[in-house]
């Protein structure tokens, strides 16, 4: 059987490995050109090759299902952050790319499970695995990817396994808390932000941690980059949620206002529901349940786009990006620092 441990080939020079696939995503406007950009593009190509191998199987259907979301593309945000953090040490260390593949496989596995729980029909502009096949197939495929990630992880040492286990615990805890919702006496806004920290921030933090630690970065800087990853990860998820509202063309990967239609209360809606602004009374009425009627959906989306609650949500996004930037105080001046700082700007401006 094609195994995950063959995911990364470090023995052949990159420039002659003409079979490496082009990365499924663009690097992004927040990354520099020049030597750093070239190094990251090379690293991403290695990650993409590792992902392609990791989802392989002797069984055609398993191979197709496991490769479904890899082929659909994505931002590759987590491996990119791992590769960028590694630039502060030895980016060529063989464990760096393997760890980046582990983080992306873990992320992809959660997406298969999330789509089942959300009954999503589309993911990354393509039919979701659960809608294309069945919920059972989607769940089992997610499990398959977790297994492949674990196989790779075993070669990275017991400490990496422990970190991944703790990260996975937070991922699952966040999903459980999101599913059951805030309990009596909980602040719904605080609950939402804590869920984002567990569901998204934790794995982004681990991506930065793995990239830096396997590149041999000093421990104080590893800790700073890990904290940066958590803050910027929450900011990135907040910006994704806001894009679902402000996007006019489905730039978020789904139709604008999908969360409203499905009754998923993201930060702007939670702020509106928790407030008593008379100007948002109609918005609160509409957004208190899934907005499935097309006319009411258009009305609710328009009200939300012009609301003070959306402006306040953008302020929260800016706060997280600002805290992430503060974590960079110990990062040496240079291209890597500039790229990480530009990422803080990007997560805010992409919703403008």
C-alpha atoms as a PDB file:
ATOM      1  CA  UNK A   1       0.000   0.000   0.000  1.00  0.00           C
ATOM      2  CA  UNK A   2       1.185   3.529  -0.689  1.00  0.00           C
ATOM      3  CA  UNK A   3       2.226   4.827   2.741  1.00  0.00           C
ATOM      4  CA  UNK A   4       2.345   8.294   4.201  1.00  0.00           C
ATOM      5  CA  UNK A   5       5.983   7.971   5.261  1.00  0.00           C
ATOM      6  CA  UNK A   6       7.100   8.265   1.660  1.00  0.00           C
ATOM      7  CA  UNK A   7       5.492  11.689   1.481  1.00  0.00           C
ATOM      8  CA  UNK A   8       8.662  13.752   1.290  1.00  0.00           C
ATOM      9  CA  UNK A   9      11.702  13.077  -0.891  1.00  0.00           C
ATOM     10  CA  UNK A  10      14.714  15.093   0.229  1.00  0.00           C
ATOM     11  CA  UNK A  11      17.300  13.260  -1.796  1.00  0.00           C
ATOM     12  CA  UNK A  12      16.626  14.752  -5.233  1.00  0.00           C
ATOM     13  CA  UNK A  13      17.407  18.385  -6.051  1.00  0.00           C
ATOM     14  CA  UNK A  14      14.249  20.445  -6.294  1.00  0.00           C
ATOM     15  CA  UNK A  15      15.065  21.910  -9.695  1.00  0.00           C
ATOM     16  CA  UNK A  16      15.150  18.493 -11.356  1.00  0.00           C
ATOM     17  CA  UNK A  17      12.061  17.108  -9.668  1.00  0.00           C
ATOM     18  CA  UNK A  18       9.854  18.047 -12.593  1.00  0.00           C
ATOM     19  CA  UNK A  19       7.015  15.832 -11.431  1.00  0.00           C
ATOM     20  CA  UNK A  20       6.291  17.953  -8.328  1.00  0.00           C
ATOM     21  CA  UNK A  21       2.793  19.363  -8.801  1.00  0.00           C
ATOM     22  CA  UNK A  22       2.152  23.075  -8.839  1.00  0.00           C
ATOM     23  CA  UNK A  23       0.807  24.189  -5.441  1.00  0.00           C
ATOM     24  CA  UNK A  24      -2.969  24.160  -5.395  1.00  0.00           C
ATOM     25  CA  UNK A  25      -3.124  27.673  -3.970  1.00  0.00           C
ATOM     26  CA  UNK A  26      -1.449  30.963  -4.646  1.00  0.00           C
ATOM     27  CA  UNK A  27       1.079  32.126  -2.097  1.00  0.00           C
ATOM     28  CA  UNK A  28      -0.907  35.248  -1.320  1.00  0.00           C
ATOM     29  CA  UNK A  29      -0.405  39.004  -1.563  1.00  0.00           C
ATOM     30  CA  UNK A  30       1.073  39.233   1.925  1.00  0.00           C
ATOM     31  CA  UNK A  31       4.263  37.373   1.007  1.00  0.00           C
ATOM     32  CA  UNK A  32       7.318  39.044  -0.519  1.00  0.00           C
ATOM     33  CA  UNK A  33       8.890  38.472  -3.876  1.00  0.00           C
ATOM     34  CA  UNK A  34      12.557  37.600  -4.214  1.00  0.00           C
ATOM     35  CA  UNK A  35      14.556  34.923  -2.437  1.00  0.00           C
ATOM     36  CA  UNK A  36      12.116  34.420   0.440  1.00  0.00           C
ATOM     37  CA  UNK A  37       9.148  34.071  -1.886  1.00  0.00           C
ATOM     38  CA  UNK A  38      11.080  31.617  -4.049  1.00  0.00           C
ATOM     39  CA  UNK A  39      12.050  29.547  -1.009  1.00  0.00           C
ATOM     40  CA  UNK A  40       8.466  29.429   0.202  1.00  0.00           C
ATOM     41  CA  UNK A  41       7.184  28.474  -3.245  1.00  0.00           C
ATOM     42  CA  UNK A  42       9.698  25.640  -3.332  1.00  0.00           C
ATOM     43  CA  UNK A  43       8.637  24.514   0.116  1.00  0.00           C
ATOM     44  CA  UNK A  44       4.972  24.642  -0.846  1.00  0.00           C
ATOM     45  CA  UNK A  45       5.658  22.483  -3.881  1.00  0.00           C
ATOM     46  CA  UNK A  46       7.286  19.920  -1.610  1.00  0.00           C
ATOM     47  CA  UNK A  47       4.303  20.070   0.718  1.00  0.00           C
ATOM     48  CA  UNK A  48       1.959  19.585  -2.228  1.00  0.00           C
ATOM     49  CA  UNK A  49       3.951  16.569  -3.362  1.00  0.00           C
ATOM     50  CA  UNK A  50       3.826  15.203   0.187  1.00  0.00           C
ATOM     51  CA  UNK A  51       0.072  15.663   0.346  1.00  0.00           C
ATOM     52  CA  UNK A  52      -0.386  13.887  -2.968  1.00  0.00           C
ATOM     53  CA  UNK A  53       1.562  10.898  -1.669  1.00  0.00           C
ATOM     54  CA  UNK A  54      -0.096  10.932   1.738  1.00  0.00           C
ATOM     55  CA  UNK A  55      -3.586  10.578   0.254  1.00  0.00           C
ATOM     56  CA  UNK A  56      -2.522   7.760  -2.049  1.00  0.00           C
ATOM     57  CA  UNK A  57      -3.882   4.247  -1.751  1.00  0.00           C
ATOM     58  CA  UNK A  58      -3.879   1.004  -3.704  1.00  0.00           C
ATOM     59  CA  UNK A  59      -7.673   1.199  -3.582  1.00  0.00           C
ATOM     60  CA  UNK A  60      -8.975   3.607  -6.285  1.00  0.00           C
ATOM     61  CA  UNK A  61     -12.049   4.756  -4.389  1.00  0.00           C
ATOM     62  CA  UNK A  62     -10.095   5.436  -1.192  1.00  0.00           C
ATOM     63  CA  UNK A  63      -7.535   7.356  -3.255  1.00  0.00           C
ATOM     64  CA  UNK A  64     -10.268   9.415  -4.929  1.00  0.00           C
ATOM     65  CA  UNK A  65     -12.103  10.243  -1.703  1.00  0.00           C
ATOM     66  CA  UNK A  66      -8.926  11.051   0.248  1.00  0.00           C
ATOM     67  CA  UNK A  67      -7.624  13.262  -2.550  1.00  0.00           C
ATOM     68  CA  UNK A  68     -10.924  15.079  -3.065  1.00  0.00           C
ATOM     69  CA  UNK A  69     -10.163  18.150  -0.951  1.00  0.00           C
ATOM     70  CA  UNK A  70      -6.467  18.156  -1.794  1.00  0.00           C
ATOM     71  CA  UNK A  71      -7.399  18.465  -5.461  1.00  0.00           C
ATOM     72  CA  UNK A  72      -9.938  21.190  -4.670  1.00  0.00           C
ATOM     73  CA  UNK A  73      -7.094  23.437  -3.519  1.00  0.00           C
ATOM     74  CA  UNK A  74      -7.194  25.862  -0.644  1.00  0.00           C
ATOM     75  CA  UNK A  75      -5.056  28.541   0.911  1.00  0.00           C
ATOM     76  CA  UNK A  76      -2.521  26.115   2.450  1.00  0.00           C
ATOM     77  CA  UNK A  77      -2.305  28.681   5.234  1.00  0.00           C
ATOM     78  CA  UNK A  78      -1.011  26.282   7.898  1.00  0.00           C
ATOM     79  CA  UNK A  79       1.860  24.742   5.930  1.00  0.00           C
ATOM     80  CA  UNK A  80       2.776  28.170   4.615  1.00  0.00           C
ATOM     81  CA  UNK A  81       3.089  29.505   8.157  1.00  0.00           C
ATOM     82  CA  UNK A  82       5.186  26.472   9.136  1.00  0.00           C
ATOM     83  CA  UNK A  83       7.505  27.095   6.203  1.00  0.00           C
ATOM     84  CA  UNK A  84       7.741  30.792   6.984  1.00  0.00           C
ATOM     85  CA  UNK A  85       8.544  30.202  10.668  1.00  0.00           C
ATOM     86  CA  UNK A  86      11.236  27.735   9.602  1.00  0.00           C
ATOM     87  CA  UNK A  87      12.980  30.512   7.689  1.00  0.00           C
ATOM     88  CA  UNK A  88      14.196  31.832  11.048  1.00  0.00           C
ATOM     89  CA  UNK A  89      16.297  28.679  11.431  1.00  0.00           C
ATOM     90  CA  UNK A  90      17.228  25.980   8.931  1.00  0.00           C
ATOM     91  CA  UNK A  91      14.335  25.850   6.451  1.00  0.00           C
ATOM     92  CA  UNK A  92      15.953  22.898   4.709  1.00  0.00           C
ATOM     93  CA  UNK A  93      15.687  20.620   7.740  1.00  0.00           C
ATOM     94  CA  UNK A  94      13.878  17.504   6.457  1.00  0.00           C
ATOM     95  CA  UNK A  95      11.337  17.468   9.289  1.00  0.00           C
ATOM     96  CA  UNK A  96       9.948  20.893   8.371  1.00  0.00           C
ATOM     97  CA  UNK A  97       8.074  19.809   5.256  1.00  0.00           C
ATOM     98  CA  UNK A  98       6.875  16.592   6.896  1.00  0.00           C
ATOM     99  CA  UNK A  99       5.486  18.591   9.830  1.00  0.00           C
ATOM    100  CA  UNK A 100       3.810  21.031   7.427  1.00  0.00           C
ATOM    101  CA  UNK A 101       2.154  18.083   5.647  1.00  0.00           C
ATOM    102  CA  UNK A 102       0.944  16.736   9.013  1.00  0.00           C
ATOM    103  CA  UNK A 103      -0.698  20.063   9.844  1.00  0.00           C
ATOM    104  CA  UNK A 104      -2.456  20.320   6.493  1.00  0.00           C
ATOM    105  CA  UNK A 105      -3.632  16.699   6.609  1.00  0.00           C
ATOM    106  CA  UNK A 106      -5.061  17.347  10.058  1.00  0.00           C
ATOM    107  CA  UNK A 107      -6.843  20.434   8.789  1.00  0.00           C
ATOM    108  CA  UNK A 108      -8.235  18.605   5.764  1.00  0.00           C
ATOM    109  CA  UNK A 109      -9.469  15.748   7.943  1.00  0.00           C
ATOM    110  CA  UNK A 110     -11.417  18.191  10.115  1.00  0.00           C
ATOM    111  CA  UNK A 111     -13.041  19.670   7.006  1.00  0.00           C
ATOM    112  CA  UNK A 112     -14.475  16.285   6.013  1.00  0.00           C
ATOM    113  CA  UNK A 113     -15.982  15.948   9.482  1.00  0.00           C
ATOM    114  CA  UNK A 114     -17.145  19.590   9.635  1.00  0.00           C
ATOM    115  CA  UNK A 115     -19.050  19.238   6.366  1.00  0.00           C
ATOM    116  CA  UNK A 116     -20.937  16.249   7.754  1.00  0.00           C
ATOM    117  CA  UNK A 117     -21.870  18.124  10.921  1.00  0.00           C
ATOM    118  CA  UNK A 118     -22.844  21.261   8.971  1.00  0.00           C
ATOM    119  CA  UNK A 119     -24.603  19.273   6.227  1.00  0.00           C
ATOM    120  CA  UNK A 120     -22.574  21.353   3.785  1.00  0.00           C
ATOM    121  CA  UNK A 121     -23.086  20.815   0.072  1.00  0.00           C
ATOM    122  CA  UNK A 122     -20.027  22.691  -1.193  1.00  0.00           C
ATOM    123  CA  UNK A 123     -16.436  22.967  -0.054  1.00  0.00           C
ATOM    124  CA  UNK A 124     -13.838  25.072  -1.877  1.00  0.00           C
ATOM    125  CA  UNK A 125     -16.157  25.528  -4.824  1.00  0.00           C
ATOM    126  CA  UNK A 126     -16.610  21.778  -5.325  1.00  0.00           C
ATOM    127  CA  UNK A 127     -19.231  19.340  -4.040  1.00  0.00           C
ATOM    128  CA  UNK A 128     -18.390  18.337  -0.483  1.00  0.00           C
ATOM    129  CA  UNK A 129     -17.431  14.716   0.109  1.00  0.00           C
ATOM    130  CA  UNK A 130     -20.620  14.056   2.072  1.00  0.00           C
ATOM    131  CA  UNK A 131     -22.824  15.400  -0.721  1.00  0.00           C
ATOM    132  CA  UNK A 132     -20.840  13.666  -3.455  1.00  0.00           C
ATOM    133  CA  UNK A 133     -20.827  10.321  -1.639  1.00  0.00           C
ATOM    134  CA  UNK A 134     -22.334   9.879   1.834  1.00  0.00           C
ATOM    135  CA  UNK A 135     -21.822  11.077   5.397  1.00  0.00           C
ATOM    136  CA  UNK A 136     -20.266   7.741   6.273  1.00  0.00           C
ATOM    137  CA  UNK A 137     -17.728   7.973   3.467  1.00  0.00           C
ATOM    138  CA  UNK A 138     -16.836  11.546   4.464  1.00  0.00           C
ATOM    139  CA  UNK A 139     -16.335  10.591   8.120  1.00  0.00           C
ATOM    140  CA  UNK A 140     -14.227   7.558   7.274  1.00  0.00           C
ATOM    141  CA  UNK A 141     -12.149   9.573   4.811  1.00  0.00           C
ATOM    142  CA  UNK A 142     -11.432  12.137   7.506  1.00  0.00           C
ATOM    143  CA  UNK A 143     -10.346   9.275   9.763  1.00  0.00           C
ATOM    144  CA  UNK A 144      -8.105   7.974   6.972  1.00  0.00           C
ATOM    145  CA  UNK A 145      -6.364  11.352   6.745  1.00  0.00           C
ATOM    146  CA  UNK A 146      -5.890  11.459  10.515  1.00  0.00           C
ATOM    147  CA  UNK A 147      -4.260   8.030  10.272  1.00  0.00           C
ATOM    148  CA  UNK A 148      -1.905   9.180   7.535  1.00  0.00           C
ATOM    149  CA  UNK A 149      -0.997  12.286   9.535  1.00  0.00           C
ATOM    150  CA  UNK A 150      -0.242  10.074  12.547  1.00  0.00           C
ATOM    151  CA  UNK A 151       1.958   7.821  10.435  1.00  0.00           C
ATOM    152  CA  UNK A 152       4.067  10.784   9.339  1.00  0.00           C
ATOM    153  CA  UNK A 153       4.066  12.195  12.850  1.00  0.00           C
ATOM    154  CA  UNK A 154       5.557   9.030  14.321  1.00  0.00           C
ATOM    155  CA  UNK A 155       8.825   9.787  12.512  1.00  0.00           C
ATOM    156  CA  UNK A 156       8.981  13.279  14.058  1.00  0.00           C
ATOM    157  CA  UNK A 157       9.439  12.050  17.607  1.00  0.00           C
ATOM    158  CA  UNK A 158       7.424  11.622  20.808  1.00  0.00           C
ATOM    159  CA  UNK A 159       7.326  15.343  21.640  1.00  0.00           C
ATOM    160  CA  UNK A 160       5.732  16.114  18.264  1.00  0.00           C
ATOM    161  CA  UNK A 161       3.208  13.338  18.866  1.00  0.00           C
ATOM    162  CA  UNK A 162       2.372  14.849  22.265  1.00  0.00           C
ATOM    163  CA  UNK A 163       1.965  18.353  20.811  1.00  0.00           C
ATOM    164  CA  UNK A 164      -0.274  17.021  18.056  1.00  0.00           C
ATOM    165  CA  UNK A 165      -2.379  15.099  20.593  1.00  0.00           C
ATOM    166  CA  UNK A 166      -2.848  18.225  22.685  1.00  0.00           C
ATOM    167  CA  UNK A 167      -3.742  20.199  19.556  1.00  0.00           C
ATOM    168  CA  UNK A 168      -6.244  17.560  18.489  1.00  0.00           C
ATOM    169  CA  UNK A 169      -7.799  17.628  21.952  1.00  0.00           C
ATOM    170  CA  UNK A 170      -8.361  21.358  21.567  1.00  0.00           C
ATOM    171  CA  UNK A 171      -9.805  20.898  18.072  1.00  0.00           C
ATOM    172  CA  UNK A 172     -12.314  18.360  19.333  1.00  0.00           C
ATOM    173  CA  UNK A 173     -13.110  20.376  22.460  1.00  0.00           C
ATOM    174  CA  UNK A 174     -13.806  23.417  20.315  1.00  0.00           C
ATOM    175  CA  UNK A 175     -16.077  21.405  18.044  1.00  0.00           C
ATOM    176  CA  UNK A 176     -17.993  19.977  20.993  1.00  0.00           C
ATOM    177  CA  UNK A 177     -18.421  23.411  22.559  1.00  0.00           C
ATOM    178  CA  UNK A 178     -19.601  24.836  19.246  1.00  0.00           C
ATOM    179  CA  UNK A 179     -22.072  21.984  18.825  1.00  0.00           C
ATOM    180  CA  UNK A 180     -23.639  22.277  22.279  1.00  0.00           C
ATOM    181  CA  UNK A 181     -23.488  26.077  22.256  1.00  0.00           C
ATOM    182  CA  UNK A 182     -22.973  28.463  25.175  1.00  0.00           C
ATOM    183  CA  UNK A 183     -24.344  27.231  28.477  1.00  0.00           C
ATOM    184  CA  UNK A 184     -26.485  29.170  30.903  1.00  0.00           C
ATOM    185  CA  UNK A 185     -24.549  32.142  32.189  1.00  0.00           C
ATOM    186  CA  UNK A 186     -22.008  32.046  29.356  1.00  0.00           C
ATOM    187  CA  UNK A 187     -21.323  35.138  27.280  1.00  0.00           C
ATOM    188  CA  UNK A 188     -22.134  34.023  23.698  1.00  0.00           C
ATOM    189  CA  UNK A 189     -19.492  36.333  22.218  1.00  0.00           C
ATOM    190  CA  UNK A 190     -16.753  35.092  24.566  1.00  0.00           C
ATOM    191  CA  UNK A 191     -17.862  31.501  23.911  1.00  0.00           C
ATOM    192  CA  UNK A 192     -17.617  32.073  20.148  1.00  0.00           C
ATOM    193  CA  UNK A 193     -14.100  33.510  20.385  1.00  0.00           C
ATOM    194  CA  UNK A 194     -12.952  30.678  22.659  1.00  0.00           C
ATOM    195  CA  UNK A 195     -14.309  28.156  20.152  1.00  0.00           C
ATOM    196  CA  UNK A 196     -12.365  29.865  17.358  1.00  0.00           C
ATOM    197  CA  UNK A 197      -9.189  29.707  19.443  1.00  0.00           C
ATOM    198  CA  UNK A 198      -9.651  25.958  19.932  1.00  0.00           C
ATOM    199  CA  UNK A 199     -10.955  25.021  16.488  1.00  0.00           C
ATOM    200  CA  UNK A 200      -8.677  27.234  14.391  1.00  0.00           C
ATOM    201  CA  UNK A 201      -6.078  29.007  16.486  1.00  0.00           C
ATOM    202  CA  UNK A 202      -4.687  25.834  18.035  1.00  0.00           C
ATOM    203  CA  UNK A 203      -3.674  24.158  14.766  1.00  0.00           C
ATOM    204  CA  UNK A 204      -2.315  27.375  13.257  1.00  0.00           C
ATOM    205  CA  UNK A 205      -0.248  27.817  16.433  1.00  0.00           C
ATOM    206  CA  UNK A 206       1.067  24.263  16.129  1.00  0.00           C
ATOM    207  CA  UNK A 207       1.957  24.868  12.484  1.00  0.00           C
ATOM    208  CA  UNK A 208       4.155  27.812  13.446  1.00  0.00           C
ATOM    209  CA  UNK A 209       5.568  25.855  16.387  1.00  0.00           C
ATOM    210  CA  UNK A 210       6.469  22.833  14.286  1.00  0.00           C
ATOM    211  CA  UNK A 211       8.059  24.915  11.532  1.00  0.00           C
ATOM    212  CA  UNK A 212      10.202  26.884  13.953  1.00  0.00           C
ATOM    213  CA  UNK A 213      11.173  24.043  16.287  1.00  0.00           C
ATOM    214  CA  UNK A 214      12.140  21.573  13.560  1.00  0.00           C
ATOM    215  CA  UNK A 215      14.233  24.308  11.912  1.00  0.00           C
ATOM    216  CA  UNK A 216      16.188  24.666  15.146  1.00  0.00           C
ATOM    217  CA  UNK A 217      14.887  28.080  16.195  1.00  0.00           C
ATOM    218  CA  UNK A 218      15.665  29.070  19.801  1.00  0.00           C
ATOM    219  CA  UNK A 219      12.930  28.131  22.264  1.00  0.00           C
ATOM    220  CA  UNK A 220      11.910  31.700  23.309  1.00  0.00           C
ATOM    221  CA  UNK A 221      11.305  32.559  19.661  1.00  0.00           C
ATOM    222  CA  UNK A 222       9.432  29.279  19.127  1.00  0.00           C
ATOM    223  CA  UNK A 223       7.098  30.273  21.966  1.00  0.00           C
ATOM    224  CA  UNK A 224       6.583  33.738  20.478  1.00  0.00           C
ATOM    225  CA  UNK A 225       5.796  32.298  17.055  1.00  0.00           C
ATOM    226  CA  UNK A 226       3.395  29.786  18.591  1.00  0.00           C
ATOM    227  CA  UNK A 227       1.535  32.601  20.339  1.00  0.00           C
ATOM    228  CA  UNK A 228       1.571  34.575  17.083  1.00  0.00           C
ATOM    229  CA  UNK A 229       0.034  31.597  15.295  1.00  0.00           C
ATOM    230  CA  UNK A 230      -2.826  31.364  17.786  1.00  0.00           C
ATOM    231  CA  UNK A 231      -3.699  35.065  17.519  1.00  0.00           C
ATOM    232  CA  UNK A 232      -3.367  35.283  13.748  1.00  0.00           C
ATOM    233  CA  UNK A 233      -5.275  31.994  13.359  1.00  0.00           C
ATOM    234  CA  UNK A 234      -8.286  33.407  15.181  1.00  0.00           C
ATOM    235  CA  UNK A 235      -7.964  36.599  13.138  1.00  0.00           C
ATOM    236  CA  UNK A 236      -7.910  34.587   9.906  1.00  0.00           C
ATOM    237  CA  UNK A 237     -11.060  32.684  10.882  1.00  0.00           C
ATOM    238  CA  UNK A 238     -12.787  35.918  11.874  1.00  0.00           C
ATOM    239  CA  UNK A 239     -11.916  37.399   8.503  1.00  0.00           C
ATOM    240  CA  UNK A 240     -13.302  34.291   6.778  1.00  0.00           C
ATOM    241  CA  UNK A 241     -16.555  34.714   8.712  1.00  0.00           C
ATOM    242  CA  UNK A 242     -16.727  38.398   7.792  1.00  0.00           C
ATOM    243  CA  UNK A 243     -16.017  37.598   4.140  1.00  0.00           C
ATOM    244  CA  UNK A 244     -19.170  35.476   4.129  1.00  0.00           C
ATOM    245  CA  UNK A 245     -21.022  38.724   4.807  1.00  0.00           C
ATOM    246  CA  UNK A 246     -19.150  41.382   2.837  1.00  0.00           C
ATOM    247  CA  UNK A 247     -18.130  39.336  -0.193  1.00  0.00           C
ATOM    248  CA  UNK A 248     -20.101  40.205  -3.309  1.00  0.00           C
ATOM    249  CA  UNK A 249     -18.794  37.332  -5.420  1.00  0.00           C
ATOM    250  CA  UNK A 250     -18.371  34.381  -3.118  1.00  0.00           C
ATOM    251  CA  UNK A 251     -14.694  35.088  -2.438  1.00  0.00           C
ATOM    252  CA  UNK A 252     -15.069  33.152   0.800  1.00  0.00           C
ATOM    253  CA  UNK A 253     -15.590  29.948  -1.203  1.00  0.00           C
ATOM    254  CA  UNK A 254     -19.353  29.876  -0.663  1.00  0.00           C
ATOM    255  CA  UNK A 255     -22.344  32.007  -1.596  1.00  0.00           C
ATOM    256  CA  UNK A 256     -22.474  35.296   0.341  1.00  0.00           C
ATOM    257  CA  UNK A 257     -24.620  35.029   3.442  1.00  0.00           C
ATOM    258  CA  UNK A 258     -24.408  31.237   3.694  1.00  0.00           C
ATOM    259  CA  UNK A 259     -23.984  31.432   7.470  1.00  0.00           C
ATOM    260  CA  UNK A 260     -27.146  33.543   7.756  1.00  0.00           C
ATOM    261  CA  UNK A 261     -29.083  31.102   5.618  1.00  0.00           C
ATOM    262  CA  UNK A 262     -27.921  28.160   7.735  1.00  0.00           C
ATOM    263  CA  UNK A 263     -28.492  29.895  11.056  1.00  0.00           C
ATOM    264  CA  UNK A 264     -24.799  29.969  11.969  1.00  0.00           C
ATOM    265  CA  UNK A 265     -24.310  32.977  14.236  1.00  0.00           C
ATOM    266  CA  UNK A 266     -20.864  34.420  13.602  1.00  0.00           C
ATOM    267  CA  UNK A 267     -19.472  37.410  15.493  1.00  0.00           C
ATOM    268  CA  UNK A 268     -21.445  40.247  13.818  1.00  0.00           C
ATOM    269  CA  UNK A 269     -24.760  38.438  14.355  1.00  0.00           C
ATOM    270  CA  UNK A 270     -23.865  37.557  17.945  1.00  0.00           C
ATOM    271  CA  UNK A 271     -23.035  41.208  18.639  1.00  0.00           C
ATOM    272  CA  UNK A 272     -26.333  42.302  17.103  1.00  0.00           C
ATOM    273  CA  UNK A 273     -28.327  39.709  19.062  1.00  0.00           C
ATOM    274  CA  UNK A 274     -26.605  40.711  22.294  1.00  0.00           C
ATOM    275  CA  UNK A 275     -27.257  44.431  21.746  1.00  0.00           C
ATOM    276  CA  UNK A 276     -30.267  46.663  22.034  1.00  0.00           C
ATOM    277  CA  UNK A 277     -29.564  49.158  19.253  1.00  0.00           C
ATOM    278  CA  UNK A 278     -32.997  50.178  17.891  1.00  0.00           C
ATOM    279  CA  UNK A 279     -31.433  50.485  14.432  1.00  0.00           C
ATOM    280  CA  UNK A 280     -30.712  46.748  14.514  1.00  0.00           C
ATOM    281  CA  UNK A 281     -34.104  45.593  15.773  1.00  0.00           C
ATOM    282  CA  UNK A 282     -35.132  44.212  12.381  1.00  0.00           C
ATOM    283  CA  UNK A 283     -31.750  42.530  11.967  1.00  0.00           C
ATOM    284  CA  UNK A 284     -32.161  40.823  15.343  1.00  0.00           C
ATOM    285  CA  UNK A 285     -35.624  39.654  14.338  1.00  0.00           C
ATOM    286  CA  UNK A 286     -34.380  38.141  11.093  1.00  0.00           C
ATOM    287  CA  UNK A 287     -31.107  36.693  12.369  1.00  0.00           C
ATOM    288  CA  UNK A 288     -32.553  34.950  15.412  1.00  0.00           C
ATOM    289  CA  UNK A 289     -33.192  31.871  13.227  1.00  0.00           C
ATOM    290  CA  UNK A 290     -32.009  30.500   9.872  1.00  0.00           C
ATOM    291  CA  UNK A 291     -32.992  32.968   7.125  1.00  0.00           C
ATOM    292  CA  UNK A 292     -34.171  30.652   4.370  1.00  0.00           C
ATOM    293  CA  UNK A 293     -36.625  32.930   2.534  1.00  0.00           C
ATOM    294  CA  UNK A 294     -34.765  34.592  -0.357  1.00  0.00           C
ATOM    295  CA  UNK A 295     -36.270  38.054   0.156  1.00  0.00           C
ATOM    296  CA  UNK A 296     -35.691  38.009   3.895  1.00  0.00           C
ATOM    297  CA  UNK A 297     -32.170  36.688   3.342  1.00  0.00           C
ATOM    298  CA  UNK A 298     -31.363  39.580   1.004  1.00  0.00           C
ATOM    299  CA  UNK A 299     -32.819  42.020   3.535  1.00  0.00           C
ATOM    300  CA  UNK A 300     -30.889  40.527   6.453  1.00  0.00           C
ATOM    301  CA  UNK A 301     -27.633  40.508   4.509  1.00  0.00           C
ATOM    302  CA  UNK A 302     -28.069  44.146   3.503  1.00  0.00           C
ATOM    303  CA  UNK A 303     -28.876  45.147   7.090  1.00  0.00           C
ATOM    304  CA  UNK A 304     -25.871  43.230   8.399  1.00  0.00           C
ATOM    305  CA  UNK A 305     -23.527  44.809   5.871  1.00  0.00           C
ATOM    306  CA  UNK A 306     -24.538  48.277   7.031  1.00  0.00           C
ATOM    307  CA  UNK A 307     -24.703  47.503  10.737  1.00  0.00           C
ATOM    308  CA  UNK A 308     -22.742  48.830  13.660  1.00  0.00           C
ATOM    309  CA  UNK A 309     -22.326  45.211  14.750  1.00  0.00           C
ATOM    310  CA  UNK A 310     -20.320  44.462  11.590  1.00  0.00           C
ATOM    311  CA  UNK A 311     -18.118  47.477  12.320  1.00  0.00           C
ATOM    312  CA  UNK A 312     -17.594  46.240  15.886  1.00  0.00           C
ATOM    313  CA  UNK A 313     -16.702  42.770  14.594  1.00  0.00           C
ATOM    314  CA  UNK A 314     -14.080  44.359  12.358  1.00  0.00           C
ATOM    315  CA  UNK A 315     -12.679  46.097  15.427  1.00  0.00           C
ATOM    316  CA  UNK A 316     -12.365  42.737  17.184  1.00  0.00           C
ATOM    317  CA  UNK A 317     -10.598  41.363  14.104  1.00  0.00           C
ATOM    318  CA  UNK A 318      -8.198  44.317  14.260  1.00  0.00           C
ATOM    319  CA  UNK A 319      -7.550  43.645  17.944  1.00  0.00           C
ATOM    320  CA  UNK A 320      -6.521  40.038  17.243  1.00  0.00           C
ATOM    321  CA  UNK A 321      -4.299  41.112  14.347  1.00  0.00           C
ATOM    322  CA  UNK A 322      -2.733  43.756  16.579  1.00  0.00           C
ATOM    323  CA  UNK A 323      -2.011  41.236  19.322  1.00  0.00           C
ATOM    324  CA  UNK A 324      -0.463  38.920  16.750  1.00  0.00           C
ATOM    325  CA  UNK A 325       1.792  41.740  15.582  1.00  0.00           C
ATOM    326  CA  UNK A 326       2.908  42.383  19.165  1.00  0.00           C
ATOM    327  CA  UNK A 327       4.152  38.792  19.349  1.00  0.00           C
ATOM    328  CA  UNK A 328       6.673  39.614  16.629  1.00  0.00           C
ATOM    329  CA  UNK A 329       8.715  41.876  18.881  1.00  0.00           C
ATOM    330  CA  UNK A 330      11.395  39.206  19.263  1.00  0.00           C
ATOM    331  CA  UNK A 331      11.528  38.248  15.580  1.00  0.00           C
ATOM    332  CA  UNK A 332      14.686  39.673  13.971  1.00  0.00           C
ATOM    333  CA  UNK A 333      14.186  42.483  11.473  1.00  0.00           C
ATOM    334  CA  UNK A 334      14.203  41.293   7.894  1.00  0.00           C
ATOM    335  CA  UNK A 335      12.079  39.640   5.231  1.00  0.00           C
ATOM    336  CA  UNK A 336      10.515  37.058   7.546  1.00  0.00           C
ATOM    337  CA  UNK A 337       9.472  39.690  10.089  1.00  0.00           C
ATOM    338  CA  UNK A 338       8.078  41.841   7.281  1.00  0.00           C
ATOM    339  CA  UNK A 339       6.111  38.918   5.827  1.00  0.00           C
ATOM    340  CA  UNK A 340       4.591  37.985   9.197  1.00  0.00           C
ATOM    341  CA  UNK A 341       3.692  41.619   9.812  1.00  0.00           C
ATOM    342  CA  UNK A 342       2.151  41.846   6.347  1.00  0.00           C
ATOM    343  CA  UNK A 343       0.036  38.810   7.210  1.00  0.00           C
ATOM    344  CA  UNK A 344      -1.389  40.761  10.146  1.00  0.00           C
ATOM    345  CA  UNK A 345      -2.366  43.511   7.715  1.00  0.00           C
ATOM    346  CA  UNK A 346      -3.755  41.053   5.175  1.00  0.00           C
ATOM    347  CA  UNK A 347      -6.197  39.353   7.547  1.00  0.00           C
ATOM    348  CA  UNK A 348      -7.750  42.755   8.195  1.00  0.00           C
ATOM    349  CA  UNK A 349      -7.714  44.264   4.705  1.00  0.00           C
ATOM    350  CA  UNK A 350      -9.055  41.162   2.926  1.00  0.00           C
ATOM    351  CA  UNK A 351     -12.500  41.974   4.376  1.00  0.00           C
ATOM    352  CA  UNK A 352     -12.417  45.633   3.310  1.00  0.00           C
END
